[in-house]
């Protein structure tokens, strides 16, 4: 139930939690002491391993209160970074999954029409006749449903994950500009709602399309590449300590070899972990070529890629130093 456009200036109504006017003094934003090394150590405690570049990017995002724009192939750890930051900061993780056609009512707020209607009928039942007062009551904050973006502004501390922004329309991307610039949004019926403590914001993109420069300018940028063998092995060992060191090394070496092939969808770190976990569930403590071929569905998701992998000499890959 949205306010009719020709209602004129609203009468005195329930104030928003942060009305128009000078912004309040912000409370301290979430931070991690110790600079980039402190960030790396804290994230490692959550099981998320970062290189120097990503540690610096996270440190700057926290220090400068800038959103962190993470771009790279699917499965390289962009989404997991937001979850790790939330654990490291002891903050609530609030996720907005973007998709084509997402709009403000799904991402920011919506009015609770059923509750407004019940309130209206209850008022009529008791003979309420003050129309202006009744209308003000209908557009009070208690009838506003906070979607992920508004919830992130009202939660302290919070990590806001705007996942796969490249799937959203251009119009929605433009709408994020106000939020990421001022950590505030305007609800016509209530005024400007401003975060007392800005959330830590992580945006991810799989680069299915180019995100506009205006949005990127408001963010720090980090490109997620596939990790090298030793870092990826460390990630697998950290996430799956019960899996034997030999099996972890073989799986990592096999995935690294698969990425060097001309695959339709090269596997990410998430698939490496999935493959090692699947083999462990089968009771394997090492990987041979026959077992690798029969379990390729855990790491490759396209038939053409599986057919291509079956032509490889997986025995040689697994016997190489990285897989031994």
Protein backbone atom coordinates (compact mmCIF):
# COMPACT_ATOMS: atom_id res chain seq x y z
CA UNK A 1 0.00 0.00 0.00
CA UNK A 2 1.92 2.97 -1.27
CA UNK A 3 0.99 6.56 -0.48
CA UNK A 4 -1.02 8.18 -3.31
CA UNK A 5 1.12 10.69 -5.21
CA UNK A 6 -1.25 13.66 -4.77
CA UNK A 7 -1.54 13.65 -1.01
CA UNK A 8 0.44 16.80 -0.43
CA UNK A 9 2.82 17.32 2.47
CA UNK A 10 2.35 14.76 5.19
CA UNK A 11 1.08 15.81 8.57
CA UNK A 12 3.02 15.08 11.72
CA UNK A 13 3.82 11.42 11.63
CA UNK A 14 5.91 8.92 13.47
CA UNK A 15 9.52 9.97 12.94
CA UNK A 16 11.93 7.69 11.13
CA UNK A 17 14.73 6.28 13.18
CA UNK A 18 17.06 8.74 11.43
CA UNK A 19 15.10 11.59 9.78
CA UNK A 20 16.35 14.20 7.36
CA UNK A 21 18.85 16.64 8.73
CA UNK A 22 22.51 16.57 9.70
CA UNK A 23 23.78 13.00 9.88
CA UNK A 24 24.39 11.69 13.38
CA UNK A 25 27.91 11.10 14.57
CA UNK A 26 28.72 7.63 13.33
CA UNK A 27 29.56 4.93 15.82
CA UNK A 28 32.92 3.21 15.29
CA UNK A 29 32.81 1.02 12.22
CA UNK A 30 33.98 -2.61 12.44
CA UNK A 31 37.76 -2.90 12.19
CA UNK A 32 40.60 -5.35 12.59
CA UNK A 33 43.79 -4.05 14.25
CA UNK A 34 47.28 -4.83 13.04
CA UNK A 35 47.07 -3.62 9.44
CA UNK A 36 47.03 -6.05 6.51
CA UNK A 37 48.89 -8.68 8.53
CA UNK A 38 46.24 -8.45 11.24
CA UNK A 39 43.50 -8.88 8.64
CA UNK A 40 45.26 -11.89 7.15
CA UNK A 41 45.72 -13.51 10.56
CA UNK A 42 42.10 -12.90 11.62
CA UNK A 43 40.73 -14.26 8.34
CA UNK A 44 43.03 -17.28 8.63
CA UNK A 45 41.46 -18.01 12.01
CA UNK A 46 38.11 -18.32 10.19
CA UNK A 47 39.62 -20.75 7.68
CA UNK A 48 39.89 -18.19 4.85
CA UNK A 49 43.42 -17.72 3.50
CA UNK A 50 44.29 -14.54 1.64
CA UNK A 51 47.35 -13.37 -0.23
CA UNK A 52 49.04 -10.03 0.39
CA UNK A 53 47.01 -8.16 -2.23
CA UNK A 54 43.65 -9.23 -0.84
CA UNK A 55 44.79 -8.59 2.75
CA UNK A 56 45.69 -5.01 1.79
CA UNK A 57 42.37 -4.55 -0.05
CA UNK A 58 40.39 -5.73 2.98
CA UNK A 59 42.41 -3.56 5.34
CA UNK A 60 41.78 -0.49 3.18
CA UNK A 61 38.08 -1.29 2.85
CA UNK A 62 37.76 -1.44 6.62
CA UNK A 63 39.94 1.61 7.27
CA UNK A 64 38.49 3.89 4.59
CA UNK A 65 34.91 2.56 4.91
CA UNK A 66 34.81 1.84 1.20
CA UNK A 67 32.92 -1.03 -0.44
CA UNK A 68 35.11 -3.82 -1.79
CA UNK A 69 34.30 -4.81 -5.36
CA UNK A 70 35.42 -8.40 -5.98
CA UNK A 71 35.53 -9.63 -9.55
CA UNK A 72 36.62 -12.98 -10.96
CA UNK A 73 35.45 -16.36 -12.18
CA UNK A 74 32.80 -18.21 -10.24
CA UNK A 75 34.09 -20.39 -7.43
CA UNK A 76 37.27 -18.48 -6.60
CA UNK A 77 36.17 -17.38 -3.12
CA UNK A 78 34.52 -13.99 -3.60
CA UNK A 79 31.33 -14.82 -1.72
CA UNK A 80 33.25 -16.73 0.93
CA UNK A 81 35.29 -13.60 1.66
CA UNK A 82 32.18 -11.78 2.88
CA UNK A 83 31.28 -14.67 5.16
CA UNK A 84 34.84 -14.79 6.51
CA UNK A 85 34.85 -11.04 7.17
CA UNK A 86 31.58 -11.37 9.06
CA UNK A 87 33.05 -14.09 11.27
CA UNK A 88 36.28 -12.14 11.75
CA UNK A 89 34.38 -9.00 12.77
CA UNK A 90 31.75 -10.88 14.78
CA UNK A 91 29.19 -9.15 12.60
CA UNK A 92 25.94 -10.28 11.03
CA UNK A 93 26.22 -11.31 7.38
CA UNK A 94 23.35 -9.89 5.32
CA UNK A 95 23.21 -11.19 1.76
CA UNK A 96 21.47 -9.70 -1.24
CA UNK A 97 21.47 -12.15 -4.16
CA UNK A 98 21.09 -10.15 -7.36
CA UNK A 99 19.24 -11.34 -10.43
CA UNK A 100 17.70 -9.89 -13.55
CA UNK A 101 14.64 -7.82 -12.68
CA UNK A 102 15.42 -7.27 -8.98
CA UNK A 103 13.88 -4.01 -7.79
CA UNK A 104 13.69 -1.78 -4.75
CA UNK A 105 10.81 -3.64 -3.11
CA UNK A 106 12.85 -6.85 -3.14
CA UNK A 107 16.19 -5.34 -2.19
CA UNK A 108 15.44 -2.35 0.05
CA UNK A 109 11.97 -2.20 1.60
CA UNK A 110 8.31 -2.81 1.04
CA UNK A 111 5.17 -1.84 2.90
CA UNK A 112 3.41 -4.63 4.77
CA UNK A 113 0.09 -4.38 2.92
CA UNK A 114 -1.75 -7.15 4.85
CA UNK A 115 -0.87 -5.55 8.20
CA UNK A 116 -1.80 -2.10 6.93
CA UNK A 117 -5.17 -3.47 5.81
CA UNK A 118 -5.79 -5.13 9.18
CA UNK A 119 -4.91 -1.90 10.95
CA UNK A 120 -7.29 0.01 8.69
CA UNK A 121 -10.15 -2.40 9.36
CA UNK A 122 -9.48 -2.36 13.10
CA UNK A 123 -9.57 1.44 13.10
CA UNK A 124 -12.85 1.43 11.17
CA UNK A 125 -14.29 -1.09 13.62
CA UNK A 126 -13.71 1.24 16.56
CA UNK A 127 -15.11 4.21 14.64
CA UNK A 128 -11.91 6.10 13.91
CA UNK A 129 -12.73 9.20 11.86
CA UNK A 130 -9.48 11.20 11.82
CA UNK A 131 -8.33 10.41 8.26
CA UNK A 132 -4.98 12.23 8.50
CA UNK A 133 -4.03 10.47 11.70
CA UNK A 134 -5.06 7.11 10.30
CA UNK A 135 -3.02 7.65 7.17
CA UNK A 136 0.03 8.63 9.21
CA UNK A 137 -0.34 5.46 11.22
CA UNK A 138 -0.47 3.35 8.06
CA UNK A 139 2.92 4.69 6.92
CA UNK A 140 4.68 4.35 10.25
CA UNK A 141 8.00 2.52 10.46
CA UNK A 142 6.38 -0.54 12.05
CA UNK A 143 4.62 -1.30 8.76
CA UNK A 144 7.84 -1.13 6.76
CA UNK A 145 9.43 -4.48 5.84
CA UNK A 146 13.20 -4.13 5.76
CA UNK A 147 14.80 -6.03 2.88
CA UNK A 148 18.56 -6.81 2.88
CA UNK A 149 19.84 -3.31 2.01
CA UNK A 150 17.77 -1.54 4.66
CA UNK A 151 18.47 -4.28 7.17
CA UNK A 152 22.21 -3.75 6.64
CA UNK A 153 21.82 -0.04 7.42
CA UNK A 154 19.90 -0.80 10.60
CA UNK A 155 22.11 -3.63 11.87
CA UNK A 156 25.26 -2.95 13.84
CA UNK A 157 27.75 -4.33 13.05
CA UNK A 158 26.96 -5.89 9.69
CA UNK A 159 28.66 -7.17 6.57
CA UNK A 160 26.52 -6.59 3.49
CA UNK A 161 27.14 -8.97 0.60
CA UNK A 162 25.73 -7.77 -2.71
CA UNK A 163 26.29 -10.98 -4.64
CA UNK A 164 26.59 -11.16 -8.42
CA UNK A 165 25.79 -7.52 -9.08
CA UNK A 166 26.47 -8.20 -12.77
CA UNK A 167 23.16 -10.11 -12.92
CA UNK A 168 21.13 -7.05 -11.88
CA UNK A 169 19.79 -4.45 -14.31
CA UNK A 170 21.47 -1.11 -14.92
CA UNK A 171 18.66 0.69 -13.11
CA UNK A 172 19.25 -1.25 -9.90
CA UNK A 173 22.97 -0.65 -10.16
CA UNK A 174 22.28 3.08 -10.28
CA UNK A 175 20.08 2.81 -7.21
CA UNK A 176 23.00 1.44 -5.21
CA UNK A 177 24.96 4.62 -5.77
CA UNK A 178 23.15 6.59 -3.05
CA UNK A 179 23.44 3.76 -0.60
CA UNK A 180 27.16 3.18 -1.20
CA UNK A 181 27.96 6.92 -1.19
CA UNK A 182 26.14 7.99 1.95
CA UNK A 183 25.05 4.72 3.55
CA UNK A 184 21.57 6.18 3.47
CA UNK A 185 18.35 5.60 1.59
CA UNK A 186 15.30 7.75 1.11
CA UNK A 187 11.84 6.39 1.83
CA UNK A 188 9.39 9.04 0.54
CA UNK A 189 6.89 8.43 3.34
CA UNK A 190 9.48 8.52 6.15
CA UNK A 191 12.45 10.56 4.98
CA UNK A 192 16.11 9.63 4.81
CA UNK A 193 17.22 6.60 6.77
CA UNK A 194 20.93 6.70 7.51
CA UNK A 195 23.17 4.04 9.01
CA UNK A 196 24.56 4.99 12.40
CA UNK A 197 27.41 2.58 11.70
CA UNK A 198 28.14 1.91 8.03
CA UNK A 199 28.11 -1.78 7.16
CA UNK A 200 31.14 -3.41 5.61
CA UNK A 201 30.10 -3.89 1.98
CA UNK A 202 31.38 -6.59 -0.38
CA UNK A 203 30.13 -6.64 -3.96
CA UNK A 204 30.88 -9.60 -6.23
CA UNK A 205 30.75 -9.96 -9.99
CA UNK A 206 31.42 -12.96 -12.21
CA UNK A 207 31.90 -10.50 -15.08
CA UNK A 208 28.99 -11.76 -17.15
CA UNK A 209 28.73 -8.07 -18.11
CA UNK A 210 30.69 -4.94 -17.33
CA UNK A 211 29.55 -3.05 -14.25
CA UNK A 212 29.31 0.69 -14.75
CA UNK A 213 32.27 2.89 -13.84
CA UNK A 214 30.12 5.08 -11.54
CA UNK A 215 29.61 2.13 -9.21
CA UNK A 216 33.21 0.95 -9.45
CA UNK A 217 34.49 4.43 -8.56
CA UNK A 218 32.84 4.16 -5.17
CA UNK A 219 34.61 0.90 -4.43
CA UNK A 220 38.02 -0.60 -3.95
CA UNK A 221 38.64 -3.21 -6.62
CA UNK A 222 40.20 -6.65 -6.34
CA UNK A 223 40.49 -9.24 -9.07
CA UNK A 224 40.24 -12.83 -7.84
CA UNK A 225 42.48 -15.16 -9.83
CA UNK A 226 42.72 -18.89 -9.39
CA UNK A 227 45.31 -19.59 -6.67
CA UNK A 228 48.58 -21.37 -7.35
CA UNK A 229 49.15 -24.95 -6.26
CA UNK A 230 50.61 -24.31 -2.83
CA UNK A 231 48.00 -21.71 -1.80
CA UNK A 232 45.15 -23.81 -3.09
CA UNK A 233 46.50 -26.86 -1.25
CA UNK A 234 46.70 -24.79 1.94
CA UNK A 235 43.05 -23.75 1.44
CA UNK A 236 41.94 -27.36 0.96
CA UNK A 237 43.91 -28.48 4.02
CA UNK A 238 42.43 -25.65 6.06
CA UNK A 239 38.84 -26.36 5.00
CA UNK A 240 39.10 -30.16 5.08
CA UNK A 241 41.67 -31.11 7.73
CA UNK A 242 40.29 -34.66 7.93
CA UNK A 243 41.29 -35.36 4.31
CA UNK A 244 44.76 -36.88 4.03
CA UNK A 245 47.62 -34.67 2.89
CA UNK A 246 48.30 -37.00 -0.03
CA UNK A 247 44.73 -36.96 -1.30
CA UNK A 248 44.53 -33.17 -0.89
CA UNK A 249 47.73 -32.71 -2.91
CA UNK A 250 46.57 -35.06 -5.66
CA UNK A 251 43.18 -33.40 -6.00
CA UNK A 252 44.76 -29.95 -6.07
CA UNK A 253 47.28 -31.01 -8.71
CA UNK A 254 44.54 -32.55 -10.84
CA UNK A 255 42.42 -29.40 -10.66
CA UNK A 256 45.42 -27.23 -11.54
CA UNK A 257 45.98 -29.46 -14.60
CA UNK A 258 42.32 -29.22 -15.60
CA UNK A 259 42.49 -25.42 -15.49
CA UNK A 260 45.30 -25.47 -18.06
CA UNK A 261 42.95 -27.13 -20.53
CA UNK A 262 40.55 -25.29 -22.80
CA UNK A 263 37.46 -26.00 -20.72
CA UNK A 264 34.09 -24.33 -21.04
CA UNK A 265 33.99 -23.77 -17.25
CA UNK A 266 37.33 -24.20 -15.45
CA UNK A 267 36.85 -25.45 -11.88
CA UNK A 268 37.23 -22.99 -9.01
CA UNK A 269 38.49 -23.50 -5.49
CA UNK A 270 34.96 -24.42 -4.42
CA UNK A 271 35.01 -27.35 -6.85
CA UNK A 272 38.44 -28.43 -5.59
CA UNK A 273 37.03 -28.62 -2.08
CA UNK A 274 33.90 -30.40 -3.33
CA UNK A 275 36.00 -33.03 -5.13
CA UNK A 276 38.23 -33.68 -2.13
CA UNK A 277 35.17 -33.91 0.11
CA UNK A 278 33.45 -36.33 -2.28
CA UNK A 279 36.52 -38.58 -2.44
CA UNK A 280 36.79 -38.53 1.33
CA UNK A 281 33.12 -39.50 1.57
CA UNK A 282 33.93 -42.50 -0.64
CA UNK A 283 36.65 -43.54 1.81
CA UNK A 284 39.53 -42.75 -0.53
CA UNK A 285 42.87 -41.69 0.89
CA UNK A 286 44.54 -41.30 -2.49
CA UNK A 287 43.49 -40.60 -6.04
CA UNK A 288 44.22 -42.73 -9.08
CA UNK A 289 43.26 -42.16 -12.69
CA UNK A 290 40.29 -44.54 -12.63
CA UNK A 291 38.78 -42.97 -9.49
CA UNK A 292 39.43 -39.50 -10.89
CA UNK A 293 37.51 -40.28 -14.09
CA UNK A 294 34.53 -41.75 -12.24
CA UNK A 295 34.23 -38.75 -9.92
CA UNK A 296 34.79 -35.94 -12.42
CA UNK A 297 31.17 -34.88 -11.90
CA UNK A 298 32.19 -33.42 -8.55
CA UNK A 299 34.55 -30.94 -10.16
CA UNK A 300 33.32 -30.39 -13.73
CA UNK A 301 29.74 -29.39 -14.51
CA UNK A 302 29.59 -29.61 -18.30
CA UNK A 303 29.55 -32.80 -20.36
CA UNK A 304 31.99 -31.32 -22.90
CA UNK A 305 34.48 -30.55 -20.11
CA UNK A 306 34.18 -34.09 -18.71
CA UNK A 307 34.73 -35.56 -22.17
CA UNK A 308 37.79 -33.34 -22.56
CA UNK A 309 39.16 -34.38 -19.14
CA UNK A 310 38.80 -38.06 -20.00
CA UNK A 311 41.25 -37.62 -22.85
CA UNK A 312 43.97 -36.40 -20.46
CA UNK A 313 46.71 -38.60 -19.07
CA UNK A 314 45.52 -38.25 -15.45
CA UNK A 315 48.01 -40.92 -14.32
CA UNK A 316 50.86 -38.62 -15.34
CA UNK A 317 49.20 -35.63 -13.65
CA UNK A 318 48.78 -37.52 -10.39
CA UNK A 319 52.34 -38.87 -10.53
CA UNK A 320 53.84 -35.40 -11.00
CA UNK A 321 55.55 -33.77 -7.98
CA UNK A 322 52.51 -31.69 -7.18
CA UNK A 323 50.27 -34.75 -7.03
CA UNK A 324 52.60 -37.19 -5.31
